[in-house]
Amino acid sequence: MPLHRPGTDRSQIKRDPLKKGFHAGTRVFDTFDCTWVCTYDLWYHAIVKHTSKRDYTTEHVATFETLEDWEANFKADGTVGRKKPVFCMLMEPYNRWLEGLRYWLTDWALNNEDKRIWDLKQTSPLYFEKFNWPRMGNHTKTITECITGIKVDAFIVCDTNMDAKFWDFCKHYNLSYDLTKRITDSHQLIYDPVGTQKYREEMNKYAQWLNENRTFRDKLINDYLKDDYNLWYKHKQF
């Protein structure tokens, strides 16, 4: 149950920020030779952009907001997704969650004062404890929750080795991506460096605020993201 501050009225919360559906917040990007399971972060946009460069002449690209939609459209012989490999990108969990926090704050149509989370008052409609910190909305769900129930064939950790790892997948699974083009070149950092810099400055401010409010930060890292970190370290190459 969400934590509740004394003196606040539950009925004042106008809507539940978590959309209905167990897998809401998962985006399934289906192509003619593989499927990508992505969550709300910039790497979702990167794989879509990278694939669109390859598939712009085909009609074999579809994006689904929920697994239920994907299953209804791509069920083969009673086994979901087995006609093609399924991949998932893994961001470093804490930074991914910070991206989600930024999106969640934006979703509430904030004024400039409310965007400064370090100055939020307990009477603010955004006050975190009303919304079950740290799982306030779809953008702040964990990776492990989003992929529950999906048989992922391979994970790609978003790090300096990911281009080589991606090309290895292409060879192993006989994918038709161009092996001379890097997936990292499709990230927003490359085609919109100014916007990305502003984006990261905001995230750094949120991280600084969390470092100064360790009750929130420790619950996030030690408890909420524990399974995400186990998954990330399992596939991370050092």
C-alpha atoms as a PDB file:
ATOM      1  CA  MET A   1       0.000   0.000   0.000  1.00  0.00           C
ATOM      2  CA  PRO A   2       1.222   3.536  -0.685  1.00  0.00           C
ATOM      3  CA  LEU A   3       2.522   5.416   2.299  1.00  0.00           C
ATOM      4  CA  HIS A   4       0.197   8.160   3.486  1.00  0.00           C
ATOM      5  CA  ARG A   5       1.157  11.439   5.113  1.00  0.00           C
ATOM      6  CA  PRO A   6      -0.902  12.656   8.100  1.00  0.00           C
ATOM      7  CA  GLY A   7      -3.148  15.545   7.180  1.00  0.00           C
ATOM      8  CA  THR A   8      -3.586  14.541   3.542  1.00  0.00           C
ATOM      9  CA  ASP A   9      -6.773  13.219   2.015  1.00  0.00           C
ATOM     10  CA  ARG A  10      -6.535  10.103  -0.156  1.00  0.00           C
ATOM     11  CA  SER A  11      -9.476  11.321  -2.214  1.00  0.00           C
ATOM     12  CA  GLN A  12      -7.368  14.272  -3.359  1.00  0.00           C
ATOM     13  CA  ILE A  13      -5.380  11.897  -5.550  1.00  0.00           C
ATOM     14  CA  LYS A  14      -7.262  12.301  -8.810  1.00  0.00           C
ATOM     15  CA  ARG A  15      -5.913   9.320 -10.738  1.00  0.00           C
ATOM     16  CA  ASP A  16      -3.737   6.269 -10.360  1.00  0.00           C
ATOM     17  CA  PRO A  17      -0.438   6.879 -12.207  1.00  0.00           C
ATOM     18  CA  LEU A  18      -0.116   3.134 -12.852  1.00  0.00           C
ATOM     19  CA  LYS A  19      -2.064   2.138 -15.923  1.00  0.00           C
ATOM     20  CA  LYS A  20      -4.151  -1.015 -15.796  1.00  0.00           C
ATOM     21  CA  GLY A  21      -2.625  -4.251 -17.022  1.00  0.00           C
ATOM     22  CA  PHE A  22       0.195  -6.298 -15.543  1.00  0.00           C
ATOM     23  CA  HIS A  23       2.537  -5.621 -18.433  1.00  0.00           C
ATOM     24  CA  ALA A  24       1.596  -2.006 -19.035  1.00  0.00           C
ATOM     25  CA  GLY A  25       4.819  -0.089 -19.351  1.00  0.00           C
ATOM     26  CA  THR A  26       6.450  -2.695 -21.585  1.00  0.00           C
ATOM     27  CA  ARG A  27       6.933  -1.920 -25.248  1.00  0.00           C
ATOM     28  CA  VAL A  28       7.278  -4.786 -27.692  1.00  0.00           C
ATOM     29  CA  PHE A  29       8.917  -3.811 -30.969  1.00  0.00           C
ATOM     30  CA  ASP A  30       8.427  -6.575 -33.507  1.00  0.00           C
ATOM     31  CA  THR A  31      10.380  -6.815 -36.777  1.00  0.00           C
ATOM     32  CA  PHE A  32      10.438  -9.440 -39.513  1.00  0.00           C
ATOM     33  CA  ASP A  33      13.393 -11.353 -38.061  1.00  0.00           C
ATOM     34  CA  CYS A  34      13.461 -10.522 -34.345  1.00  0.00           C
ATOM     35  CA  THR A  35      11.520  -8.966 -31.468  1.00  0.00           C
ATOM     36  CA  TRP A  36      12.776  -6.353 -28.997  1.00  0.00           C
ATOM     37  CA  VAL A  37      11.300  -6.034 -25.525  1.00  0.00           C
ATOM     38  CA  CYS A  38      11.975  -2.515 -24.310  1.00  0.00           C
ATOM     39  CA  THR A  39      10.939  -0.374 -21.388  1.00  0.00           C
ATOM     40  CA  TYR A  40      10.567   3.368 -21.051  1.00  0.00           C
ATOM     41  CA  ASP A  41      14.069   4.718 -21.645  1.00  0.00           C
ATOM     42  CA  LEU A  42      16.160   6.260 -24.410  1.00  0.00           C
ATOM     43  CA  TRP A  43      17.423   2.890 -25.619  1.00  0.00           C
ATOM     44  CA  TYR A  44      13.910   2.012 -26.718  1.00  0.00           C
ATOM     45  CA  HIS A  45      14.036   4.976 -29.099  1.00  0.00           C
ATOM     46  CA  ALA A  46      17.537   3.958 -30.197  1.00  0.00           C
ATOM     47  CA  ILE A  47      16.583   0.443 -31.299  1.00  0.00           C
ATOM     48  CA  VAL A  48      13.485   1.739 -33.084  1.00  0.00           C
ATOM     49  CA  LYS A  49      15.545   4.344 -34.917  1.00  0.00           C
ATOM     50  CA  HIS A  50      18.269   1.827 -35.748  1.00  0.00           C
ATOM     51  CA  THR A  51      15.765  -0.698 -37.079  1.00  0.00           C
ATOM     52  CA  SER A  52      13.858   1.888 -39.100  1.00  0.00           C
ATOM     53  CA  LYS A  53      17.055   2.566 -41.071  1.00  0.00           C
ATOM     54  CA  ARG A  54      17.053  -1.093 -42.051  1.00  0.00           C
ATOM     55  CA  ASP A  55      13.327  -1.722 -42.485  1.00  0.00           C
ATOM     56  CA  TYR A  56      12.052   1.514 -44.000  1.00  0.00           C
ATOM     57  CA  THR A  57      11.046  -0.337 -47.186  1.00  0.00           C
ATOM     58  CA  THR A  58       9.154  -3.128 -45.404  1.00  0.00           C
ATOM     59  CA  GLU A  59       5.833  -3.426 -43.611  1.00  0.00           C
ATOM     60  CA  HIS A  60       7.153  -5.901 -41.067  1.00  0.00           C
ATOM     61  CA  VAL A  61       7.545  -3.499 -38.159  1.00  0.00           C
ATOM     62  CA  ALA A  62       5.005  -3.090 -35.376  1.00  0.00           C
ATOM     63  CA  THR A  63       5.078  -1.597 -31.894  1.00  0.00           C
ATOM     64  CA  PHE A  64       2.815  -2.797 -29.088  1.00  0.00           C
ATOM     65  CA  GLU A  65       2.302  -1.030 -25.781  1.00  0.00           C
ATOM     66  CA  THR A  66       1.418  -4.242 -23.945  1.00  0.00           C
ATOM     67  CA  LEU A  67       2.338  -7.900 -24.135  1.00  0.00           C
ATOM     68  CA  GLU A  68      -1.319  -8.753 -24.512  1.00  0.00           C
ATOM     69  CA  ASP A  69      -1.488  -6.839 -27.803  1.00  0.00           C
ATOM     70  CA  TRP A  70       1.673  -8.543 -29.026  1.00  0.00           C
ATOM     71  CA  GLU A  71       0.460 -11.997 -28.079  1.00  0.00           C
ATOM     72  CA  ALA A  72      -2.846 -11.469 -29.856  1.00  0.00           C
ATOM     73  CA  ASN A  73      -1.058 -10.499 -33.068  1.00  0.00           C
ATOM     74  CA  PHE A  74       2.013 -12.736 -33.036  1.00  0.00           C
ATOM     75  CA  LYS A  75       0.950 -16.014 -31.500  1.00  0.00           C
ATOM     76  CA  ALA A  76       2.310 -18.939 -33.515  1.00  0.00           C
ATOM     77  CA  ASP A  77       1.107 -22.488 -32.835  1.00  0.00           C
ATOM     78  CA  GLY A  78       0.251 -21.599 -29.265  1.00  0.00           C
ATOM     79  CA  THR A  79       3.795 -20.469 -28.445  1.00  0.00           C
ATOM     80  CA  VAL A  80       4.395 -16.757 -28.208  1.00  0.00           C
ATOM     81  CA  GLY A  81       7.336 -15.329 -30.088  1.00  0.00           C
ATOM     82  CA  ARG A  82       9.047 -18.639 -30.881  1.00  0.00           C
ATOM     83  CA  LYS A  83       9.171 -17.956 -34.587  1.00  0.00           C
ATOM     84  CA  LYS A  84      11.881 -15.356 -34.025  1.00  0.00           C
ATOM     85  CA  PRO A  85      14.423 -14.506 -31.291  1.00  0.00           C
ATOM     86  CA  VAL A  86      13.454 -12.074 -28.531  1.00  0.00           C
ATOM     87  CA  PHE A  87      15.999  -9.576 -27.202  1.00  0.00           C
ATOM     88  CA  CYS A  88      16.035  -7.112 -24.326  1.00  0.00           C
ATOM     89  CA  MET A  89      18.364  -4.185 -23.619  1.00  0.00           C
ATOM     90  CA  LEU A  90      19.596  -3.692 -20.060  1.00  0.00           C
ATOM     91  CA  MET A  91      20.467  -0.238 -18.802  1.00  0.00           C
ATOM     92  CA  GLU A  92      22.307   0.258 -15.538  1.00  0.00           C
ATOM     93  CA  PRO A  93      19.287   0.011 -13.193  1.00  0.00           C
ATOM     94  CA  TYR A  94      19.745   3.175 -11.131  1.00  0.00           C
ATOM     95  CA  ASN A  95      20.287   5.429 -14.158  1.00  0.00           C
ATOM     96  CA  ARG A  96      17.363   3.789 -15.918  1.00  0.00           C
ATOM     97  CA  TRP A  97      15.148   4.507 -12.906  1.00  0.00           C
ATOM     98  CA  LEU A  98      16.319   8.132 -12.871  1.00  0.00           C
ATOM     99  CA  GLU A  99      15.209   8.392 -16.507  1.00  0.00           C
ATOM    100  CA  GLY A 100      11.859   7.006 -15.419  1.00  0.00           C
ATOM    101  CA  LEU A 101      11.611   9.544 -12.591  1.00  0.00           C
ATOM    102  CA  ARG A 102      12.187  12.347 -15.061  1.00  0.00           C
ATOM    103  CA  TYR A 103       9.468  11.030 -17.377  1.00  0.00           C
ATOM    104  CA  TRP A 104       7.083  10.536 -14.482  1.00  0.00           C
ATOM    105  CA  LEU A 105       7.556  14.099 -13.313  1.00  0.00           C
ATOM    106  CA  THR A 106       6.970  15.331 -16.854  1.00  0.00           C
ATOM    107  CA  ASP A 107       3.799  13.248 -17.094  1.00  0.00           C
ATOM    108  CA  TRP A 108       2.193  15.315 -14.370  1.00  0.00           C
ATOM    109  CA  ALA A 109       2.389  18.557 -16.364  1.00  0.00           C
ATOM    110  CA  LEU A 110       4.553  20.253 -13.771  1.00  0.00           C
ATOM    111  CA  ASN A 111       5.118  23.917 -13.388  1.00  0.00           C
ATOM    112  CA  ASN A 112       8.722  25.036 -13.078  1.00  0.00           C
ATOM    113  CA  GLU A 113       8.543  25.119  -9.289  1.00  0.00           C
ATOM    114  CA  ASP A 114       7.340  21.535  -9.000  1.00  0.00           C
ATOM    115  CA  LYS A 115      10.084  20.256 -11.310  1.00  0.00           C
ATOM    116  CA  ARG A 116      12.503  21.084  -8.524  1.00  0.00           C
ATOM    117  CA  ILE A 117      11.807  17.932  -6.561  1.00  0.00           C
ATOM    118  CA  TRP A 118      14.192  18.984  -3.804  1.00  0.00           C
ATOM    119  CA  ASP A 119      11.814  21.872  -2.972  1.00  0.00           C
ATOM    120  CA  LEU A 120       8.558  19.917  -3.059  1.00  0.00           C
ATOM    121  CA  LYS A 121       6.186  20.567  -0.185  1.00  0.00           C
ATOM    122  CA  GLN A 122       4.165  17.824   1.482  1.00  0.00           C
ATOM    123  CA  THR A 123       1.031  19.468   0.085  1.00  0.00           C
ATOM    124  CA  SER A 124       2.287  19.081  -3.478  1.00  0.00           C
ATOM    125  CA  PRO A 125       0.196  16.699  -5.626  1.00  0.00           C
ATOM    126  CA  LEU A 126       3.519  15.060  -6.525  1.00  0.00           C
ATOM    127  CA  TYR A 127       4.617  14.229  -3.024  1.00  0.00           C
ATOM    128  CA  PHE A 128       6.255  10.834  -3.538  1.00  0.00           C
ATOM    129  CA  GLU A 129       4.903   8.930  -0.585  1.00  0.00           C
ATOM    130  CA  LYS A 130       1.361   9.285  -1.911  1.00  0.00           C
ATOM    131  CA  PHE A 131       2.353   7.233  -4.912  1.00  0.00           C
ATOM    132  CA  ASN A 132       4.160   4.236  -3.455  1.00  0.00           C
ATOM    133  CA  TRP A 133       7.752   5.366  -3.858  1.00  0.00           C
ATOM    134  CA  PRO A 134       9.742   4.203  -5.778  1.00  0.00           C
ATOM    135  CA  ARG A 135       7.178   2.534  -8.080  1.00  0.00           C
ATOM    136  CA  MET A 136       5.153   5.650  -8.853  1.00  0.00           C
ATOM    137  CA  GLY A 137       4.156   4.899 -12.430  1.00  0.00           C
ATOM    138  CA  ASN A 138       4.900   2.864 -15.540  1.00  0.00           C
ATOM    139  CA  HIS A 139       8.141   4.709 -16.200  1.00  0.00           C
ATOM    140  CA  THR A 140       9.499   3.724 -12.794  1.00  0.00           C
ATOM    141  CA  LYS A 141       8.701   0.013 -12.968  1.00  0.00           C
ATOM    142  CA  THR A 142      11.657  -2.336 -12.712  1.00  0.00           C
ATOM    143  CA  ILE A 143      13.087  -4.124 -15.724  1.00  0.00           C
ATOM    144  CA  THR A 144      12.383  -7.495 -14.129  1.00  0.00           C
ATOM    145  CA  GLU A 145       8.722  -6.660 -13.677  1.00  0.00           C
ATOM    146  CA  CYS A 146       8.368  -5.485 -17.258  1.00  0.00           C
ATOM    147  CA  ILE A 147       9.810  -8.666 -18.749  1.00  0.00           C
ATOM    148  CA  THR A 148       8.044 -11.119 -16.447  1.00  0.00           C
ATOM    149  CA  GLY A 149       6.431 -13.864 -18.493  1.00  0.00           C
ATOM    150  CA  ILE A 150       8.582 -13.289 -21.589  1.00  0.00           C
ATOM    151  CA  LYS A 151      11.182 -15.824 -22.701  1.00  0.00           C
ATOM    152  CA  VAL A 152      14.078 -13.548 -23.633  1.00  0.00           C
ATOM    153  CA  ASP A 153      16.661 -15.256 -25.832  1.00  0.00           C
ATOM    154  CA  ALA A 154      19.450 -12.775 -25.192  1.00  0.00           C
ATOM    155  CA  PHE A 155      20.174  -9.569 -23.272  1.00  0.00           C
ATOM    156  CA  ILE A 156      22.316  -6.675 -24.453  1.00  0.00           C
ATOM    157  CA  VAL A 157      23.832  -4.592 -21.682  1.00  0.00           C
ATOM    158  CA  CYS A 158      23.951  -0.903 -22.608  1.00  0.00           C
ATOM    159  CA  ASP A 159      27.650  -0.218 -22.173  1.00  0.00           C
ATOM    160  CA  THR A 160      30.808   0.369 -24.222  1.00  0.00           C
ATOM    161  CA  ASN A 161      30.747  -3.237 -25.478  1.00  0.00           C
ATOM    162  CA  MET A 162      27.196  -3.207 -26.770  1.00  0.00           C
ATOM    163  CA  ASP A 163      27.988  -2.631 -30.463  1.00  0.00           C
ATOM    164  CA  ALA A 164      30.223  -5.713 -30.584  1.00  0.00           C
ATOM    165  CA  LYS A 165      27.660  -7.694 -28.604  1.00  0.00           C
ATOM    166  CA  PHE A 166      24.897  -6.584 -30.978  1.00  0.00           C
ATOM    167  CA  TRP A 167      26.908  -7.670 -34.031  1.00  0.00           C
ATOM    168  CA  ASP A 168      27.569 -11.039 -32.381  1.00  0.00           C
ATOM    169  CA  PHE A 169      23.813 -11.487 -31.962  1.00  0.00           C
ATOM    170  CA  CYS A 170      23.236 -10.561 -35.586  1.00  0.00           C
ATOM    171  CA  LYS A 171      25.656 -13.275 -36.722  1.00  0.00           C
ATOM    172  CA  HIS A 172      24.446 -15.899 -34.281  1.00  0.00           C
ATOM    173  CA  TYR A 173      20.741 -15.406 -35.029  1.00  0.00           C
ATOM    174  CA  ASN A 174      21.245 -14.583 -38.719  1.00  0.00           C
ATOM    175  CA  LEU A 175      19.713 -11.111 -38.453  1.00  0.00           C
ATOM    176  CA  SER A 176      19.865  -8.761 -41.407  1.00  0.00           C
ATOM    177  CA  TYR A 177      21.175  -5.662 -39.621  1.00  0.00           C
ATOM    178  CA  ASP A 178      24.134  -3.953 -41.292  1.00  0.00           C
ATOM    179  CA  LEU A 179      27.278  -5.085 -39.472  1.00  0.00           C
ATOM    180  CA  THR A 180      29.047  -1.836 -40.339  1.00  0.00           C
ATOM    181  CA  LYS A 181      26.508   0.344 -38.501  1.00  0.00           C
ATOM    182  CA  ARG A 182      26.695   0.787 -34.753  1.00  0.00           C
ATOM    183  CA  ILE A 183      23.552   0.693 -32.668  1.00  0.00           C
ATOM    184  CA  THR A 184      25.006   3.390 -30.404  1.00  0.00           C
ATOM    185  CA  ASP A 185      24.955   5.833 -33.343  1.00  0.00           C
ATOM    186  CA  SER A 186      21.155   5.733 -33.148  1.00  0.00           C
ATOM    187  CA  HIS A 187      21.084   7.008 -29.570  1.00  0.00           C
ATOM    188  CA  GLN A 188      19.767  10.480 -28.855  1.00  0.00           C
ATOM    189  CA  LEU A 189      23.222  11.457 -27.599  1.00  0.00           C
ATOM    190  CA  ILE A 190      24.448  11.348 -31.212  1.00  0.00           C
ATOM    191  CA  TYR A 191      21.624  13.057 -33.104  1.00  0.00           C
ATOM    192  CA  ASP A 192      20.567  15.485 -30.344  1.00  0.00           C
ATOM    193  CA  PRO A 193      23.588  16.214 -28.134  1.00  0.00           C
ATOM    194  CA  VAL A 194      22.162  19.512 -26.845  1.00  0.00           C
ATOM    195  CA  GLY A 195      18.895  17.952 -25.759  1.00  0.00           C
ATOM    196  CA  THR A 196      20.699  14.995 -24.220  1.00  0.00           C
ATOM    197  CA  GLN A 197      22.976  17.293 -22.231  1.00  0.00           C
ATOM    198  CA  LYS A 198      19.963  19.094 -20.757  1.00  0.00           C
ATOM    199  CA  TYR A 199      18.346  15.742 -20.059  1.00  0.00           C
ATOM    200  CA  ARG A 200      21.419  14.496 -18.192  1.00  0.00           C
ATOM    201  CA  GLU A 201      21.745  17.707 -16.210  1.00  0.00           C
ATOM    202  CA  GLU A 202      18.221  17.160 -14.900  1.00  0.00           C
ATOM    203  CA  MET A 203      19.013  13.552 -14.002  1.00  0.00           C
ATOM    204  CA  ASN A 204      22.175  14.642 -12.182  1.00  0.00           C
ATOM    205  CA  LYS A 205      20.111  17.045 -10.086  1.00  0.00           C
ATOM    206  CA  TYR A 206      17.699  14.254  -9.175  1.00  0.00           C
ATOM    207  CA  ALA A 207      20.637  11.995  -8.279  1.00  0.00           C
ATOM    208  CA  GLN A 208      22.112  14.717  -6.087  1.00  0.00           C
ATOM    209  CA  TRP A 209      18.785  15.146  -4.312  1.00  0.00           C
ATOM    210  CA  LEU A 210      18.627  11.400  -3.664  1.00  0.00           C
ATOM    211  CA  ASN A 211      22.169  11.401  -2.287  1.00  0.00           C
ATOM    212  CA  GLU A 212      21.003  13.989   0.223  1.00  0.00           C
ATOM    213  CA  ASN A 213      17.832  12.040   1.048  1.00  0.00           C
ATOM    214  CA  ARG A 214      19.191   8.576   1.668  1.00  0.00           C
ATOM    215  CA  THR A 215      15.973   7.158   3.057  1.00  0.00           C
ATOM    216  CA  PHE A 216      14.540   7.356  -0.450  1.00  0.00           C
ATOM    217  CA  ARG A 217      17.767   6.380  -2.209  1.00  0.00           C
ATOM    218  CA  ASP A 218      18.609   3.366  -0.032  1.00  0.00           C
ATOM    219  CA  LYS A 219      15.139   1.880  -0.389  1.00  0.00           C
ATOM    220  CA  LEU A 220      15.464   2.300  -4.135  1.00  0.00           C
ATOM    221  CA  ILE A 221      18.899   0.706  -4.572  1.00  0.00           C
ATOM    222  CA  ASN A 222      18.950  -1.928  -1.826  1.00  0.00           C
ATOM    223  CA  ASP A 223      15.390  -3.199  -2.125  1.00  0.00           C
ATOM    224  CA  TYR A 224      13.494  -2.065  -5.187  1.00  0.00           C
ATOM    225  CA  LEU A 225      16.257  -2.508  -7.783  1.00  0.00           C
ATOM    226  CA  LYS A 226      17.827  -5.612  -6.236  1.00  0.00           C
ATOM    227  CA  ASP A 227      16.521  -8.042  -8.885  1.00  0.00           C
ATOM    228  CA  ASP A 228      17.373  -5.607 -11.685  1.00  0.00           C
ATOM    229  CA  TYR A 229      20.960  -5.404 -10.462  1.00  0.00           C
ATOM    230  CA  ASN A 230      21.192  -9.205 -10.240  1.00  0.00           C
ATOM    231  CA  LEU A 231      20.054  -9.445 -13.866  1.00  0.00           C
ATOM    232  CA  TRP A 232      22.360  -6.631 -14.990  1.00  0.00           C
ATOM    233  CA  TYR A 233      25.458  -8.089 -13.298  1.00  0.00           C
ATOM    234  CA  LYS A 234      24.641 -11.533 -14.704  1.00  0.00           C
ATOM    235  CA  HIS A 235      25.000 -10.226 -18.260  1.00  0.00           C
ATOM    236  CA  LYS A 236      27.470  -7.388 -17.743  1.00  0.00           C
ATOM    237  CA  GLN A 237      30.994  -7.985 -19.039  1.00  0.00           C
ATOM    238  CA  PHE A 238      33.784  -6.275 -17.100  1.00  0.00           C
END
